[in-house]
Amino acid sequence: MIDVVLAADLWEGVDAGTEALLDKWLVHEGERVAAGQVVATAVLVKTTCEVIAPCAGVVERILVRAEDTFPRGKPLASIREEAAAA
């Protein structure tokens, strides 16, 4: 399983303890995603950010619901990675 998180560079310069808001999911559990696909949007310090799939695979679990807040580094979902085609 690979965790989906809000990119660390988006948190640069953000005060410790600040949380982001998961705005909305663009995918559902059980759905296939491509590496680099936008899977959700989040709001961090009044800026809307894209949450990107780190790999191709199937969304196994969504761990943070839309409208919930989350801290830096919190896994938002997990993806079951698919083997690369030979």
PDB file of N, CA and C in Angstrom:
ATOM      1  N   MET A   1       0.831  -1.176   0.000  1.00  0.00           N
ATOM      2  CA  MET A   1       0.000   0.000   0.000  1.00  0.00           C
ATOM      3  C   MET A   1       0.884   1.250   0.000  1.00  0.00           C
ATOM      4  N   ILE A   2       0.457   2.207  -0.751  1.00  0.00           N
ATOM      5  CA  ILE A   2       1.143   3.493  -0.819  1.00  0.00           C
ATOM      6  C   ILE A   2       0.195   4.553  -0.256  1.00  0.00           C
ATOM      7  N   ASP A   3       0.709   5.399   0.631  1.00  0.00           N
ATOM      8  CA  ASP A   3      -0.107   6.460   1.216  1.00  0.00           C
ATOM      9  C   ASP A   3      -0.188   7.657   0.278  1.00  0.00           C
ATOM     10  N   VAL A   4      -1.345   8.283   0.242  1.00  0.00           N
ATOM     11  CA  VAL A   4      -1.557   9.532  -0.481  1.00  0.00           C
ATOM     12  C   VAL A   4      -1.514  10.643   0.570  1.00  0.00           C
ATOM     13  N   VAL A   5      -0.608  11.614   0.373  1.00  0.00           N
ATOM     14  CA  VAL A   5      -0.480  12.741   1.311  1.00  0.00           C
ATOM     15  C   VAL A   5      -0.414  14.038   0.517  1.00  0.00           C
ATOM     16  N   LEU A   6      -0.680  15.142   1.187  1.00  0.00           N
ATOM     17  CA  LEU A   6      -0.501  16.450   0.571  1.00  0.00           C
ATOM     18  C   LEU A   6       0.998  16.701   0.503  1.00  0.00           C
ATOM     19  N   ALA A   7       1.508  17.055  -0.659  1.00  0.00           N
ATOM     20  CA  ALA A   7       2.948  17.206  -0.897  1.00  0.00           C
ATOM     21  C   ALA A   7       3.625  18.051   0.176  1.00  0.00           C
ATOM     22  N   ALA A   8       4.769  17.573   0.642  1.00  0.00           N
ATOM     23  CA  ALA A   8       5.509  18.238   1.718  1.00  0.00           C
ATOM     24  C   ALA A   8       5.900  19.668   1.354  1.00  0.00           C
ATOM     25  N   ASP A   9       6.220  19.927   0.087  1.00  0.00           N
ATOM     26  CA  ASP A   9       6.651  21.276  -0.281  1.00  0.00           C
ATOM     27  C   ASP A   9       5.528  22.303  -0.132  1.00  0.00           C
ATOM     28  N   LEU A  10       4.277  21.861  -0.157  1.00  0.00           N
ATOM     29  CA  LEU A  10       3.158  22.786   0.033  1.00  0.00           C
ATOM     30  C   LEU A  10       3.077  23.290   1.468  1.00  0.00           C
ATOM     31  N   TRP A  11       3.702  22.562   2.388  1.00  0.00           N
ATOM     32  CA  TRP A  11       3.676  22.937   3.799  1.00  0.00           C
ATOM     33  C   TRP A  11       4.832  23.879   4.173  1.00  0.00           C
ATOM     34  N   GLU A  12       5.760  24.132   3.242  1.00  0.00           N
ATOM     35  CA  GLU A  12       6.904  24.991   3.547  1.00  0.00           C
ATOM     36  C   GLU A  12       6.419  26.379   3.958  1.00  0.00           C
ATOM     37  N   GLY A  13       6.953  26.879   5.036  1.00  0.00           N
ATOM     38  CA  GLY A  13       6.599  28.197   5.521  1.00  0.00           C
ATOM     39  C   GLY A  13       5.291  28.251   6.295  1.00  0.00           C
ATOM     40  N   VAL A  14       4.643  27.103   6.464  1.00  0.00           N
ATOM     41  CA  VAL A  14       3.383  27.044   7.214  1.00  0.00           C
ATOM     42  C   VAL A  14       3.704  26.737   8.662  1.00  0.00           C
ATOM     43  N   ASP A  15       3.093  27.478   9.575  1.00  0.00           N
ATOM     44  CA  ASP A  15       3.346  27.292  11.001  1.00  0.00           C
ATOM     45  C   ASP A  15       3.042  25.863  11.444  1.00  0.00           C
ATOM     46  N   ALA A  16       3.880  25.344  12.324  1.00  0.00           N
ATOM     47  CA  ALA A  16       3.639  24.026  12.919  1.00  0.00           C
ATOM     48  C   ALA A  16       2.283  24.057  13.612  1.00  0.00           C
ATOM     49  N   GLY A  17       1.557  22.984  13.492  1.00  0.00           N
ATOM     50  CA  GLY A  17       0.242  22.908  14.124  1.00  0.00           C
ATOM     51  C   GLY A  17      -0.890  23.349  13.213  1.00  0.00           C
ATOM     52  N   THR A  18      -0.567  23.971  12.082  1.00  0.00           N
ATOM     53  CA  THR A  18      -1.597  24.373  11.124  1.00  0.00           C
ATOM     54  C   THR A  18      -2.145  23.125  10.444  1.00  0.00           C
ATOM     55  N   GLU A  19      -3.460  23.070  10.276  1.00  0.00           N
ATOM     56  CA  GLU A  19      -4.078  21.947   9.593  1.00  0.00           C
ATOM     57  C   GLU A  19      -4.660  22.415   8.273  1.00  0.00           C
ATOM     58  N   ALA A  20      -4.770  21.490   7.332  1.00  0.00           N
ATOM     59  CA  ALA A  20      -5.400  21.738   6.037  1.00  0.00           C
ATOM     60  C   ALA A  20      -6.814  21.167   6.084  1.00  0.00           C
ATOM     61  N   LEU A  21      -7.640  21.583   5.142  1.00  0.00           N
ATOM     62  CA  LEU A  21      -9.014  21.094   5.017  1.00  0.00           C
ATOM     63  C   LEU A  21      -9.112  20.281   3.738  1.00  0.00           C
ATOM     64  N   LEU A  22      -9.583  19.027   3.850  1.00  0.00           N
ATOM     65  CA  LEU A  22      -9.812  18.216   2.657  1.00  0.00           C
ATOM     66  C   LEU A  22     -11.087  18.759   2.017  1.00  0.00           C
ATOM     67  N   ASP A  23     -10.947  19.420   0.893  1.00  0.00           N
ATOM     68  CA  ASP A  23     -12.076  20.064   0.223  1.00  0.00           C
ATOM     69  C   ASP A  23     -13.009  19.037  -0.410  1.00  0.00           C
ATOM     70  N   LYS A  24     -12.477  18.253  -1.359  1.00  0.00           N
ATOM     71  CA  LYS A  24     -13.316  17.215  -1.971  1.00  0.00           C
ATOM     72  C   LYS A  24     -12.466  16.140  -2.624  1.00  0.00           C
ATOM     73  N   TRP A  25     -13.020  14.948  -2.653  1.00  0.00           N
ATOM     74  CA  TRP A  25     -12.418  13.818  -3.340  1.00  0.00           C
ATOM     75  C   TRP A  25     -12.907  13.804  -4.780  1.00  0.00           C
ATOM     76  N   LEU A  26     -12.015  13.516  -5.697  1.00  0.00           N
ATOM     77  CA  LEU A  26     -12.350  13.408  -7.111  1.00  0.00           C
ATOM     78  C   LEU A  26     -12.402  11.955  -7.550  1.00  0.00           C
ATOM     79  N   VAL A  27     -12.103  11.042  -6.619  1.00  0.00           N
ATOM     80  CA  VAL A  27     -12.141   9.595  -6.873  1.00  0.00           C
ATOM     81  C   VAL A  27     -12.873   8.914  -5.725  1.00  0.00           C
ATOM     82  N   HIS A  28     -13.173   7.644  -5.915  1.00  0.00           N
ATOM     83  CA  HIS A  28     -13.864   6.847  -4.895  1.00  0.00           C
ATOM     84  C   HIS A  28     -13.048   5.602  -4.583  1.00  0.00           C
ATOM     85  N   GLU A  29     -13.336   4.988  -3.432  1.00  0.00           N
ATOM     86  CA  GLU A  29     -12.696   3.714  -3.099  1.00  0.00           C
ATOM     87  C   GLU A  29     -13.018   2.711  -4.200  1.00  0.00           C
ATOM     88  N   GLY A  30     -12.024   1.906  -4.567  1.00  0.00           N
ATOM     89  CA  GLY A  30     -12.191   0.898  -5.601  1.00  0.00           C
ATOM     90  C   GLY A  30     -11.906   1.408  -7.008  1.00  0.00           C
ATOM     91  N   GLU A  31     -11.693   2.698  -7.156  1.00  0.00           N
ATOM     92  CA  GLU A  31     -11.447   3.301  -8.468  1.00  0.00           C
ATOM     93  C   GLU A  31      -9.964   3.229  -8.816  1.00  0.00           C
ATOM     94  N   ARG A  32      -9.667   2.968 -10.091  1.00  0.00           N
ATOM     95  CA  ARG A  32      -8.286   2.965 -10.569  1.00  0.00           C
ATOM     96  C   ARG A  32      -7.833   4.400 -10.790  1.00  0.00           C
ATOM     97  N   VAL A  33      -6.566   4.659 -10.462  1.00  0.00           N
ATOM     98  CA  VAL A  33      -5.971   5.972 -10.677  1.00  0.00           C
ATOM     99  C   VAL A  33      -4.628   5.811 -11.366  1.00  0.00           C
ATOM    100  N   ALA A  34      -4.186   6.870 -12.039  1.00  0.00           N
ATOM    101  CA  ALA A  34      -2.881   6.891 -12.690  1.00  0.00           C
ATOM    102  C   ALA A  34      -1.908   7.670 -11.817  1.00  0.00           C
ATOM    103  N   ALA A  35      -0.631   7.347 -11.930  1.00  0.00           N
ATOM    104  CA  ALA A  35       0.392   8.113 -11.210  1.00  0.00           C
ATOM    105  C   ALA A  35       0.316   9.559 -11.667  1.00  0.00           C
ATOM    106  N   GLY A  36       0.305  10.486 -10.725  1.00  0.00           N
ATOM    107  CA  GLY A  36       0.250  11.901 -11.042  1.00  0.00           C
ATOM    108  C   GLY A  36      -1.151  12.455 -11.225  1.00  0.00           C
ATOM    109  N   GLN A  37      -2.158  11.592 -11.135  1.00  0.00           N
ATOM    110  CA  GLN A  37      -3.551  12.035 -11.284  1.00  0.00           C
ATOM    111  C   GLN A  37      -3.978  12.837 -10.060  1.00  0.00           C
ATOM    112  N   VAL A  38      -4.734  13.901 -10.287  1.00  0.00           N
ATOM    113  CA  VAL A  38      -5.297  14.665  -9.177  1.00  0.00           C
ATOM    114  C   VAL A  38      -6.451  13.843  -8.606  1.00  0.00           C
ATOM    115  N   VAL A  39      -6.371  13.509  -7.311  1.00  0.00           N
ATOM    116  CA  VAL A  39      -7.392  12.665  -6.687  1.00  0.00           C
ATOM    117  C   VAL A  39      -8.264  13.419  -5.693  1.00  0.00           C
ATOM    118  N   ALA A  40      -7.813  14.611  -5.272  1.00  0.00           N
ATOM    119  CA  ALA A  40      -8.583  15.405  -4.308  1.00  0.00           C
ATOM    120  C   ALA A  40      -8.079  16.835  -4.349  1.00  0.00           C
ATOM    121  N   THR A  41      -8.837  17.715  -3.705  1.00  0.00           N
ATOM    122  CA  THR A  41      -8.369  19.082  -3.487  1.00  0.00           C
ATOM    123  C   THR A  41      -8.416  19.360  -1.987  1.00  0.00           C
ATOM    124  N   ALA A  42      -7.478  20.171  -1.545  1.00  0.00           N
ATOM    125  CA  ALA A  42      -7.392  20.541  -0.138  1.00  0.00           C
ATOM    126  C   ALA A  42      -7.123  22.028  -0.051  1.00  0.00           C
ATOM    127  N   VAL A  43      -7.491  22.619   1.066  1.00  0.00           N
ATOM    128  CA  VAL A  43      -7.247  24.040   1.295  1.00  0.00           C
ATOM    129  C   VAL A  43      -6.242  24.167   2.433  1.00  0.00           C
ATOM    130  N   LEU A  44      -5.157  24.876   2.151  1.00  0.00           N
ATOM    131  CA  LEU A  44      -4.100  25.087   3.134  1.00  0.00           C
ATOM    132  C   LEU A  44      -3.783  26.579   3.148  1.00  0.00           C
ATOM    133  N   VAL A  45      -4.024  27.221   4.256  1.00  0.00           N
ATOM    134  CA  VAL A  45      -3.783  28.646   4.430  1.00  0.00           C
ATOM    135  C   VAL A  45      -4.401  29.437   3.258  1.00  0.00           C
ATOM    136  N   LYS A  46      -5.701  29.260   3.066  1.00  0.00           N
ATOM    137  CA  LYS A  46      -6.506  29.985   2.078  1.00  0.00           C
ATOM    138  C   LYS A  46      -6.109  29.719   0.634  1.00  0.00           C
ATOM    139  N   THR A  47      -5.354  28.646   0.375  1.00  0.00           N
ATOM    140  CA  THR A  47      -4.948  28.288  -0.973  1.00  0.00           C
ATOM    141  C   THR A  47      -5.447  26.886  -1.279  1.00  0.00           C
ATOM    142  N   THR A  48      -6.104  26.727  -2.427  1.00  0.00           N
ATOM    143  CA  THR A  48      -6.558  25.405  -2.831  1.00  0.00           C
ATOM    144  C   THR A  48      -5.397  24.670  -3.489  1.00  0.00           C
ATOM    145  N   CYS A  49      -5.142  23.444  -3.038  1.00  0.00           N
ATOM    146  CA  CYS A  49      -4.031  22.626  -3.509  1.00  0.00           C
ATOM    147  C   CYS A  49      -4.578  21.330  -4.093  1.00  0.00           C
ATOM    148  N   GLU A  50      -3.850  20.772  -5.045  1.00  0.00           N
ATOM    149  CA  GLU A  50      -4.220  19.473  -5.592  1.00  0.00           C
ATOM    150  C   GLU A  50      -3.499  18.375  -4.824  1.00  0.00           C
ATOM    151  N   VAL A  51      -4.213  17.286  -4.579  1.00  0.00           N
ATOM    152  CA  VAL A  51      -3.629  16.102  -3.962  1.00  0.00           C
ATOM    153  C   VAL A  51      -3.412  15.115  -5.106  1.00  0.00           C
ATOM    154  N   ILE A  52      -2.176  14.671  -5.271  1.00  0.00           N
ATOM    155  CA  ILE A  52      -1.767  13.874  -6.419  1.00  0.00           C
ATOM    156  C   ILE A  52      -1.537  12.419  -6.018  1.00  0.00           C
ATOM    157  N   ALA A  53      -1.987  11.489  -6.880  1.00  0.00           N
ATOM    158  CA  ALA A  53      -1.711  10.066  -6.663  1.00  0.00           C
ATOM    159  C   ALA A  53      -0.214   9.823  -6.873  1.00  0.00           C
ATOM    160  N   PRO A  54       0.460   9.203  -5.905  1.00  0.00           N
ATOM    161  CA  PRO A  54       1.899   8.976  -6.036  1.00  0.00           C
ATOM    162  C   PRO A  54       2.254   7.796  -6.939  1.00  0.00           C
ATOM    163  N   CYS A  55       1.234   6.999  -7.307  1.00  0.00           N
ATOM    164  CA  CYS A  55       1.476   5.825  -8.129  1.00  0.00           C
ATOM    165  C   CYS A  55       0.171   5.424  -8.815  1.00  0.00           C
ATOM    166  N   ALA A  56       0.282   4.540  -9.805  1.00  0.00           N
ATOM    167  CA  ALA A  56      -0.906   3.967 -10.426  1.00  0.00           C
ATOM    168  C   ALA A  56      -1.398   2.834  -9.534  1.00  0.00           C
ATOM    169  N   GLY A  57      -2.701   2.646  -9.490  1.00  0.00           N
ATOM    170  CA  GLY A  57      -3.247   1.569  -8.684  1.00  0.00           C
ATOM    171  C   GLY A  57      -4.715   1.772  -8.417  1.00  0.00           C
ATOM    172  N   VAL A  58      -5.196   1.125  -7.371  1.00  0.00           N
ATOM    173  CA  VAL A  58      -6.601   1.179  -6.994  1.00  0.00           C
ATOM    174  C   VAL A  58      -6.705   1.831  -5.614  1.00  0.00           C
ATOM    175  N   VAL A  59      -7.602   2.795  -5.478  1.00  0.00           N
ATOM    176  CA  VAL A  59      -7.828   3.454  -4.194  1.00  0.00           C
ATOM    177  C   VAL A  59      -8.446   2.422  -3.252  1.00  0.00           C
ATOM    178  N   GLU A  60      -7.685   2.008  -2.262  1.00  0.00           N
ATOM    179  CA  GLU A  60      -8.154   0.996  -1.307  1.00  0.00           C
ATOM    180  C   GLU A  60      -9.038   1.607  -0.226  1.00  0.00           C
ATOM    181  N   ARG A  61      -8.534   2.684   0.389  1.00  0.00           N
ATOM    182  CA  ARG A  61      -9.277   3.311   1.493  1.00  0.00           C
ATOM    183  C   ARG A  61      -9.086   4.804   1.463  1.00  0.00           C
ATOM    184  N   ILE A  62     -10.151   5.513   1.669  1.00  0.00           N
ATOM    185  CA  ILE A  62     -10.085   6.953   1.894  1.00  0.00           C
ATOM    186  C   ILE A  62     -10.087   7.132   3.410  1.00  0.00           C
ATOM    187  N   LEU A  63      -9.045   7.771   3.927  1.00  0.00           N
ATOM    188  CA  LEU A  63      -8.834   7.860   5.368  1.00  0.00           C
ATOM    189  C   LEU A  63      -9.296   9.185   5.975  1.00  0.00           C
ATOM    190  N   VAL A  64      -9.376  10.229   5.154  1.00  0.00           N
ATOM    191  CA  VAL A  64      -9.836  11.538   5.616  1.00  0.00           C
ATOM    192  C   VAL A  64     -11.020  11.932   4.740  1.00  0.00           C
ATOM    193  N   ARG A  65     -12.143  12.198   5.362  1.00  0.00           N
ATOM    194  CA  ARG A  65     -13.354  12.550   4.615  1.00  0.00           C
ATOM    195  C   ARG A  65     -13.323  14.016   4.194  1.00  0.00           C
ATOM    196  N   ALA A  66     -14.073  14.305   3.134  1.00  0.00           N
ATOM    197  CA  ALA A  66     -14.234  15.690   2.693  1.00  0.00           C
ATOM    198  C   ALA A  66     -14.800  16.500   3.856  1.00  0.00           C
ATOM    199  N   GLU A  67     -14.329  17.725   3.974  1.00  0.00           N
ATOM    200  CA  GLU A  67     -14.729  18.667   5.020  1.00  0.00           C
ATOM    201  C   GLU A  67     -14.014  18.432   6.353  1.00  0.00           C
ATOM    202  N   ASP A  68     -13.154  17.413   6.436  1.00  0.00           N
ATOM    203  CA  ASP A  68     -12.377  17.177   7.652  1.00  0.00           C
ATOM    204  C   ASP A  68     -11.016  17.853   7.523  1.00  0.00           C
ATOM    205  N   THR A  69     -10.415  18.203   8.656  1.00  0.00           N
ATOM    206  CA  THR A  69      -9.074  18.786   8.648  1.00  0.00           C
ATOM    207  C   THR A  69      -8.046  17.694   8.925  1.00  0.00           C
ATOM    208  N   PHE A  70      -6.802  17.993   8.537  1.00  0.00           N
ATOM    209  CA  PHE A  70      -5.723  17.024   8.750  1.00  0.00           C
ATOM    210  C   PHE A  70      -4.397  17.767   8.910  1.00  0.00           C
ATOM    211  N   PRO A  71      -3.470  17.168   9.678  1.00  0.00           N
ATOM    212  CA  PRO A  71      -2.161  17.787   9.900  1.00  0.00           C
ATOM    213  C   PRO A  71      -1.160  17.387   8.808  1.00  0.00           C
ATOM    214  N   ARG A  72      -0.046  18.078   8.810  1.00  0.00           N
ATOM    215  CA  ARG A  72       1.070  17.777   7.895  1.00  0.00           C
ATOM    216  C   ARG A  72       1.452  16.293   7.998  1.00  0.00           C
ATOM    217  N   GLY A  73       1.613  15.634   6.845  1.00  0.00           N
ATOM    218  CA  GLY A  73       2.075  14.256   6.804  1.00  0.00           C
ATOM    219  C   GLY A  73       1.006  13.202   7.013  1.00  0.00           C
ATOM    220  N   LYS A  74      -0.214  13.593   7.322  1.00  0.00           N
ATOM    221  CA  LYS A  74      -1.302  12.627   7.568  1.00  0.00           C
ATOM    222  C   LYS A  74      -1.670  11.926   6.262  1.00  0.00           C
ATOM    223  N   PRO A  75      -1.688  10.585   6.248  1.00  0.00           N
ATOM    224  CA  PRO A  75      -2.167   9.867   5.065  1.00  0.00           C
ATOM    225  C   PRO A  75      -3.654  10.176   4.833  1.00  0.00           C
ATOM    226  N   LEU A  76      -3.993  10.551   3.610  1.00  0.00           N
ATOM    227  CA  LEU A  76      -5.364  10.890   3.251  1.00  0.00           C
ATOM    228  C   LEU A  76      -6.102   9.698   2.667  1.00  0.00           C
ATOM    229  N   ALA A  77      -5.361   8.815   2.017  1.00  0.00           N
ATOM    230  CA  ALA A  77      -5.922   7.609   1.405  1.00  0.00           C
ATOM    231  C   ALA A  77      -4.781   6.620   1.207  1.00  0.00           C
ATOM    232  N   SER A  78      -5.142   5.398   0.856  1.00  0.00           N
ATOM    233  CA  SER A  78      -4.113   4.408   0.513  1.00  0.00           C
ATOM    234  C   SER A  78      -4.454   3.827  -0.856  1.00  0.00           C
ATOM    235  N   ILE A  79      -3.389   3.585  -1.629  1.00  0.00           N
ATOM    236  CA  ILE A  79      -3.526   3.030  -2.973  1.00  0.00           C
ATOM    237  C   ILE A  79      -2.806   1.689  -3.010  1.00  0.00           C
ATOM    238  N   ARG A  80      -3.487   0.690  -3.567  1.00  0.00           N
ATOM    239  CA  ARG A  80      -2.827  -0.592  -3.831  1.00  0.00           C
ATOM    240  C   ARG A  80      -2.137  -0.447  -5.174  1.00  0.00           C
ATOM    241  N   GLU A  81      -0.812  -0.427  -5.143  1.00  0.00           N
ATOM    242  CA  GLU A  81      -0.021  -0.193  -6.341  1.00  0.00           C
ATOM    243  C   GLU A  81      -0.172  -1.357  -7.320  1.00  0.00           C
ATOM    244  N   GLU A  82      -0.280  -1.026  -8.601  1.00  0.00           N
ATOM    245  CA  GLU A  82      -0.360  -2.044  -9.639  1.00  0.00           C
ATOM    246  C   GLU A  82       1.033  -2.232 -10.242  1.00  0.00           C
ATOM    247  N   ALA A  83       1.342  -3.474 -10.550  1.00  0.00           N
ATOM    248  CA  ALA A  83       2.639  -3.774 -11.157  1.00  0.00           C
ATOM    249  C   ALA A  83       2.703  -3.121 -12.534  1.00  0.00           C
ATOM    250  N   ALA A  84       3.870  -2.625 -12.903  1.00  0.00           N
ATOM    251  CA  ALA A  84       4.055  -1.997 -14.203  1.00  0.00           C
ATOM    252  C   ALA A  84       3.951  -3.058 -15.301  1.00  0.00           C
ATOM    253  N   ALA A  85       3.379  -2.690 -16.421  1.00  0.00           N
ATOM    254  CA  ALA A  85       3.248  -3.612 -17.555  1.00  0.00           C
ATOM    255  C   ALA A  85       4.618  -3.904 -18.123  1.00  0.00           C
ATOM    256  N   ALA A  86       4.832  -5.146 -18.498  1.00  0.00           N
ATOM    257  CA  ALA A  86       6.151  -5.546 -19.022  1.00  0.00           C
ATOM    258  C   ALA A  86       6.277  -5.258 -20.492  1.00  0.00           C
TER     259      ALA A  86
END
